[in-house]
Amino acid sequence: QVQLVESGGGLVQAGGSLRLSCAVSGLTFSNYGMAWFRQAPGKEREFVARINWSGATYADSVKGRFTISRDNAKNTGYLQMNSLKPEDTAIYYCATGGTYNYWGQGTQVTVSS
């Protein structure tokens, strides 16, 4: 059974930082890419960042502020978020698998102005 568990969300002031983690079990994590998505209240889920063997890709809205990384030995992915803005407030989800078909339950990030 594949499980993804996000952690590290919370309340932070604008300009602050958070580091999200995504612990993966039930599959060989190193075989797959990993991505982060987010969903703000009243909005559709949107892509944030992705990392695979070819490198990292970011949404324009987070480029230069967020960094995606992974530790295959720990079966864990990360999203370092710096210079946070109120518009970054959302539930953040990690995903993995051949077609990013496995998802975690999400972790809430709230950025106050």
C-alpha atoms as a PDB file:
ATOM      1  CA  GLN A   1       0.000   0.000   0.000  1.00  0.00           C
ATOM      2  CA  VAL A   2       1.469   3.311  -1.087  1.00  0.00           C
ATOM      3  CA  GLN A   3       1.334   6.104   1.467  1.00  0.00           C
ATOM      4  CA  LEU A   4       2.468   9.718   1.318  1.00  0.00           C
ATOM      5  CA  VAL A   5       2.450  11.798   4.472  1.00  0.00           C
ATOM      6  CA  GLU A   6       3.092  15.529   4.315  1.00  0.00           C
ATOM      7  CA  SER A   7       4.254  17.549   7.296  1.00  0.00           C
ATOM      8  CA  GLY A   8       5.779  20.910   8.106  1.00  0.00           C
ATOM      9  CA  GLY A   9       2.873  23.197   7.339  1.00  0.00           C
ATOM     10  CA  GLY A  10       1.761  25.946   9.676  1.00  0.00           C
ATOM     11  CA  LEU A  11       1.176  29.641  10.177  1.00  0.00           C
ATOM     12  CA  VAL A  12       3.944  32.044   9.203  1.00  0.00           C
ATOM     13  CA  GLN A  13       4.221  35.765   8.604  1.00  0.00           C
ATOM     14  CA  ALA A  14       4.830  37.147   5.131  1.00  0.00           C
ATOM     15  CA  GLY A  15       8.516  36.974   4.315  1.00  0.00           C
ATOM     16  CA  GLY A  16       9.011  33.913   6.460  1.00  0.00           C
ATOM     17  CA  SER A  17      10.004  30.364   5.564  1.00  0.00           C
ATOM     18  CA  LEU A  18       8.669  26.848   5.940  1.00  0.00           C
ATOM     19  CA  ARG A  19      10.003  23.453   4.938  1.00  0.00           C
ATOM     20  CA  LEU A  20       7.494  20.830   3.935  1.00  0.00           C
ATOM     21  CA  SER A  21       8.316  17.124   4.014  1.00  0.00           C
ATOM     22  CA  CYS A  22       6.690  14.218   2.213  1.00  0.00           C
ATOM     23  CA  ALA A  23       7.411  10.762   3.610  1.00  0.00           C
ATOM     24  CA  VAL A  24       6.734   8.024   1.071  1.00  0.00           C
ATOM     25  CA  SER A  25       6.253   4.306   1.689  1.00  0.00           C
ATOM     26  CA  GLY A  26       5.016   1.322  -0.291  1.00  0.00           C
ATOM     27  CA  LEU A  27       6.984   1.901  -3.475  1.00  0.00           C
ATOM     28  CA  THR A  28      10.570   2.374  -4.627  1.00  0.00           C
ATOM     29  CA  PHE A  29      10.674   6.135  -4.289  1.00  0.00           C
ATOM     30  CA  SER A  30      13.883   6.538  -6.287  1.00  0.00           C
ATOM     31  CA  ASN A  31      12.159   5.132  -9.377  1.00  0.00           C
ATOM     32  CA  TYR A  32       9.709   8.005  -9.655  1.00  0.00           C
ATOM     33  CA  GLY A  33       9.499  11.716  -9.915  1.00  0.00           C
ATOM     34  CA  MET A  34       7.901  13.703  -7.140  1.00  0.00           C
ATOM     35  CA  ALA A  35       5.797  16.806  -7.311  1.00  0.00           C
ATOM     36  CA  TRP A  36       4.144  19.348  -5.073  1.00  0.00           C
ATOM     37  CA  PHE A  37       0.760  20.897  -5.770  1.00  0.00           C
ATOM     38  CA  ARG A  38      -1.373  23.326  -3.817  1.00  0.00           C
ATOM     39  CA  GLN A  39      -4.997  24.308  -3.555  1.00  0.00           C
ATOM     40  CA  ALA A  40      -6.125  27.629  -2.175  1.00  0.00           C
ATOM     41  CA  PRO A  41      -9.677  28.205  -0.899  1.00  0.00           C
ATOM     42  CA  GLY A  42     -12.084  28.555  -3.803  1.00  0.00           C
ATOM     43  CA  LYS A  43      -9.418  27.791  -6.387  1.00  0.00           C
ATOM     44  CA  GLU A  44      -8.380  24.789  -8.416  1.00  0.00           C
ATOM     45  CA  ARG A  45      -5.403  22.690  -7.476  1.00  0.00           C
ATOM     46  CA  GLU A  46      -2.255  24.007  -9.149  1.00  0.00           C
ATOM     47  CA  PHE A  47       1.229  22.732  -9.870  1.00  0.00           C
ATOM     48  CA  VAL A  48       4.027  24.075  -7.681  1.00  0.00           C
ATOM     49  CA  ALA A  49       7.194  22.086  -8.410  1.00  0.00           C
ATOM     50  CA  ARG A  50       8.447  18.764  -9.724  1.00  0.00           C
ATOM     51  CA  ILE A  51      11.730  16.891  -9.449  1.00  0.00           C
ATOM     52  CA  ASN A  52      12.863  13.867 -11.458  1.00  0.00           C
ATOM     53  CA  TRP A  53      16.039  12.518 -13.048  1.00  0.00           C
ATOM     54  CA  SER A  54      16.154  15.455 -15.450  1.00  0.00           C
ATOM     55  CA  GLY A  55      16.033  18.094 -12.735  1.00  0.00           C
ATOM     56  CA  ALA A  56      13.560  20.441 -11.098  1.00  0.00           C
ATOM     57  CA  THR A  57      10.735  22.470 -12.598  1.00  0.00           C
ATOM     58  CA  TYR A  58       8.803  25.253 -10.889  1.00  0.00           C
ATOM     59  CA  ALA A  59       5.665  27.238 -11.406  1.00  0.00           C
ATOM     60  CA  ASP A  60       6.463  30.829 -12.324  1.00  0.00           C
ATOM     61  CA  SER A  61       4.720  32.025  -9.165  1.00  0.00           C
ATOM     62  CA  VAL A  62       7.243  30.274  -6.897  1.00  0.00           C
ATOM     63  CA  LYS A  63      10.405  30.317  -9.007  1.00  0.00           C
ATOM     64  CA  GLY A  64      13.328  31.762  -7.071  1.00  0.00           C
ATOM     65  CA  ARG A  65      11.531  31.386  -3.729  1.00  0.00           C
ATOM     66  CA  PHE A  66      10.810  27.648  -3.441  1.00  0.00           C
ATOM     67  CA  THR A  67      13.241  24.752  -3.754  1.00  0.00           C
ATOM     68  CA  ILE A  68      12.209  21.140  -4.255  1.00  0.00           C
ATOM     69  CA  SER A  69      14.544  18.345  -3.212  1.00  0.00           C
ATOM     70  CA  ARG A  70      14.519  14.704  -2.262  1.00  0.00           C
ATOM     71  CA  ASP A  71      16.444  12.175  -0.197  1.00  0.00           C
ATOM     72  CA  ASN A  72      15.941   8.774  -1.783  1.00  0.00           C
ATOM     73  CA  ALA A  73      17.710   7.034   1.080  1.00  0.00           C
ATOM     74  CA  LYS A  74      15.032   8.391   3.423  1.00  0.00           C
ATOM     75  CA  ASN A  75      12.157   8.006   0.924  1.00  0.00           C
ATOM     76  CA  THR A  76      11.358  11.634   1.581  1.00  0.00           C
ATOM     77  CA  GLY A  77      10.778  14.699  -0.542  1.00  0.00           C
ATOM     78  CA  TYR A  78      10.986  18.306   0.556  1.00  0.00           C
ATOM     79  CA  LEU A  79       9.777  21.738  -0.420  1.00  0.00           C
ATOM     80  CA  GLN A  80      11.730  24.642   1.047  1.00  0.00           C
ATOM     81  CA  MET A  81       9.596  27.765   0.865  1.00  0.00           C
ATOM     82  CA  ASN A  82      11.222  31.147   1.421  1.00  0.00           C
ATOM     83  CA  SER A  83       9.956  34.710   1.111  1.00  0.00           C
ATOM     84  CA  LEU A  84       6.429  33.487   1.623  1.00  0.00           C
ATOM     85  CA  LYS A  85       3.540  35.656   0.513  1.00  0.00           C
ATOM     86  CA  PRO A  86      -0.113  35.678   1.618  1.00  0.00           C
ATOM     87  CA  GLU A  87      -1.032  34.318  -1.822  1.00  0.00           C
ATOM     88  CA  ASP A  88       0.977  31.175  -1.007  1.00  0.00           C
ATOM     89  CA  THR A  89      -1.709  30.256   1.529  1.00  0.00           C
ATOM     90  CA  ALA A  90      -3.083  26.860   0.515  1.00  0.00           C
ATOM     91  CA  ILE A  91      -3.165  23.185   1.285  1.00  0.00           C
ATOM     92  CA  TYR A  92       0.013  21.666  -0.118  1.00  0.00           C
ATOM     93  CA  TYR A  93       0.037  18.133  -1.491  1.00  0.00           C
ATOM     94  CA  CYS A  94       2.866  15.889  -2.615  1.00  0.00           C
ATOM     95  CA  ALA A  95       2.459  13.310  -5.346  1.00  0.00           C
ATOM     96  CA  THR A  96       4.513  10.506  -6.847  1.00  0.00           C
ATOM     97  CA  GLY A  97       4.156   7.431  -9.015  1.00  0.00           C
ATOM     98  CA  GLY A  98       4.371   6.823 -12.749  1.00  0.00           C
ATOM     99  CA  THR A  99       1.643   9.348 -13.523  1.00  0.00           C
ATOM    100  CA  TYR A 100       1.729  11.146 -10.171  1.00  0.00           C
ATOM    101  CA  ASN A 101      -1.239   9.020  -9.214  1.00  0.00           C
ATOM    102  CA  TYR A 102      -0.341   8.692  -5.547  1.00  0.00           C
ATOM    103  CA  TRP A 103      -1.158  11.649  -3.303  1.00  0.00           C
ATOM    104  CA  GLY A 104      -0.816  12.613   0.311  1.00  0.00           C
ATOM    105  CA  GLN A 105      -3.530  14.091   2.490  1.00  0.00           C
ATOM    106  CA  GLY A 106      -2.103  17.588   2.370  1.00  0.00           C
ATOM    107  CA  THR A 107      -0.681  20.042   4.873  1.00  0.00           C
ATOM    108  CA  GLN A 108      -2.031  23.534   5.495  1.00  0.00           C
ATOM    109  CA  VAL A 109       0.206  26.540   4.921  1.00  0.00           C
ATOM    110  CA  THR A 110      -1.117  29.915   6.038  1.00  0.00           C
ATOM    111  CA  VAL A 111       0.820  33.109   5.396  1.00  0.00           C
ATOM    112  CA  SER A 112      -0.346  36.187   7.261  1.00  0.00           C
ATOM    113  CA  SER A 113       0.236  39.695   5.978  1.00  0.00           C
END
